[in-house]
Each structure stands twice: as C-alpha cells, then as structure tokens.
C-alpha cells in the first residue's frame, strides 16, 4: 500500500507550513542566512529556506537508511495533530 494517506492536494515546488523551532536554533539559522546572503554569495544561501531544506533532506535521508532500508517512507498528505500517543 504505497498510496499517500490523507486527502489529495495540489503539488507545487514550494509550500508554506508552520513548524516550531527551538528559539536558539532559529536565531542562529536566521543570523547565518542573513550574513551569508549579504557577505558570502558563494555560499549559495539567500534565505532561511536555503539552510533548512538541505538540512531536513539530509536528516530524512539518514532516517530512511536507518529505519526503512534506504527507501522513502510512504507519503503522507496530512499529519495527525497533537503529540503521538505513547506506546
């Protein structure tokens, strides 16, 4: 069963989502993005997304390797809200 869960949606290159960061992590990432965009164009960082997207991709790839035999996890269109139940 490799079908996405949840309701179908329109696929686009970028989507806006609300997520919570630890304040110190967010402040450091914003400072890095601002500095690099202004003073180090060769870094290829023009926005916070240029830092967040590669970092999330690297971690998800690591999780796929560790927990799903290197395969992508089954797509999910809607995540349940709230904290997951304790097992």
Protein backbone atom coordinates (compact mmCIF):
# COMPACT_ATOMS: atom_id res chain seq x y z
CA UNK A 1 0.00 0.00 0.00
CA UNK A 2 2.12 2.86 -1.31
CA UNK A 3 -0.68 5.36 -1.65
CA UNK A 4 -0.44 8.61 0.30
CA UNK A 5 -2.56 8.90 3.42
CA UNK A 6 -4.96 11.80 3.98
CA UNK A 7 -6.70 13.89 1.40
CA UNK A 8 -5.24 14.66 -2.03
CA UNK A 9 -3.75 18.03 -2.75
CA UNK A 10 -2.10 20.09 -5.40
CA UNK A 11 1.65 19.50 -5.79
CA UNK A 12 3.86 22.57 -6.10
CA UNK A 13 7.56 23.21 -5.83
CA UNK A 14 7.30 25.09 -2.55
CA UNK A 15 4.70 25.01 0.19
CA UNK A 16 4.34 27.07 3.33
CA UNK A 17 3.99 25.21 6.62
CA UNK A 18 4.06 26.28 10.22
CA UNK A 19 6.61 24.46 12.34
CA UNK A 20 8.12 25.18 15.72
CA UNK A 21 11.84 25.65 16.27
CA UNK A 22 13.84 26.00 19.42
CA UNK A 23 14.42 29.74 19.68
CA UNK A 24 18.21 29.47 19.82
CA UNK A 25 18.33 27.24 16.71
CA UNK A 26 16.11 29.61 14.77
CA UNK A 27 18.09 32.68 15.83
CA UNK A 28 21.38 31.07 14.77
CA UNK A 29 19.95 29.94 11.43
CA UNK A 30 18.47 33.39 10.71
CA UNK A 31 21.76 35.08 11.60
CA UNK A 32 23.67 32.69 9.34
CA UNK A 33 21.25 33.19 6.43
CA UNK A 34 21.36 36.97 6.77
CA UNK A 35 25.15 37.10 6.99
CA UNK A 36 25.78 34.65 4.17
CA UNK A 37 23.27 36.31 1.84
CA UNK A 38 24.93 39.68 2.42
CA UNK A 39 28.63 38.86 2.62
CA UNK A 40 29.28 35.39 1.22
CA UNK A 41 27.31 34.94 -2.02
CA UNK A 42 29.45 31.93 -2.98
CA UNK A 43 27.82 30.04 -0.08
CA UNK A 44 24.60 29.90 -2.12
CA UNK A 45 22.48 30.89 0.88
CA UNK A 46 19.95 33.59 0.08
CA UNK A 47 17.30 32.74 2.64
CA UNK A 48 16.49 30.65 5.69
CA UNK A 49 14.97 28.04 3.36
CA UNK A 50 18.39 27.57 1.75
CA UNK A 51 19.63 26.34 5.14
CA UNK A 52 16.55 24.45 6.31
CA UNK A 53 15.73 22.45 3.16
CA UNK A 54 19.15 20.75 2.75
CA UNK A 55 19.36 20.06 6.50
CA UNK A 56 15.92 18.43 6.61
CA UNK A 57 16.65 16.44 3.44
CA UNK A 58 19.93 15.13 4.89
CA UNK A 59 18.26 14.04 8.12
CA UNK A 60 15.27 12.42 6.39
CA UNK A 61 17.67 10.51 4.12
CA UNK A 62 19.53 9.30 7.21
CA UNK A 63 16.25 8.17 8.81
CA UNK A 64 15.24 6.34 5.62
CA UNK A 65 18.56 4.49 5.65
CA UNK A 66 18.26 3.56 9.32
CA UNK A 67 14.59 2.66 9.53
CA UNK A 68 13.26 1.93 6.02
CA UNK A 69 16.03 0.07 4.14
CA UNK A 70 17.04 3.26 2.34
CA UNK A 71 13.63 3.66 0.74
CA UNK A 72 11.44 6.75 1.09
CA UNK A 73 8.74 6.45 3.73
CA UNK A 74 5.17 6.16 2.49
CA UNK A 75 3.89 9.65 1.52
CA UNK A 76 1.57 11.39 3.97
CA UNK A 77 -0.64 14.26 2.91
CA UNK A 78 -1.91 15.14 6.37
CA UNK A 79 -0.12 14.53 9.64
CA UNK A 80 -2.22 13.96 12.74
CA UNK A 81 -2.30 16.99 15.02
CA UNK A 82 -1.02 16.90 18.56
CA UNK A 83 1.56 14.65 20.11
CA UNK A 84 1.70 10.98 19.18
CA UNK A 85 0.27 8.51 21.71
CA UNK A 86 2.80 6.83 24.00
CA UNK A 87 3.43 3.17 23.21
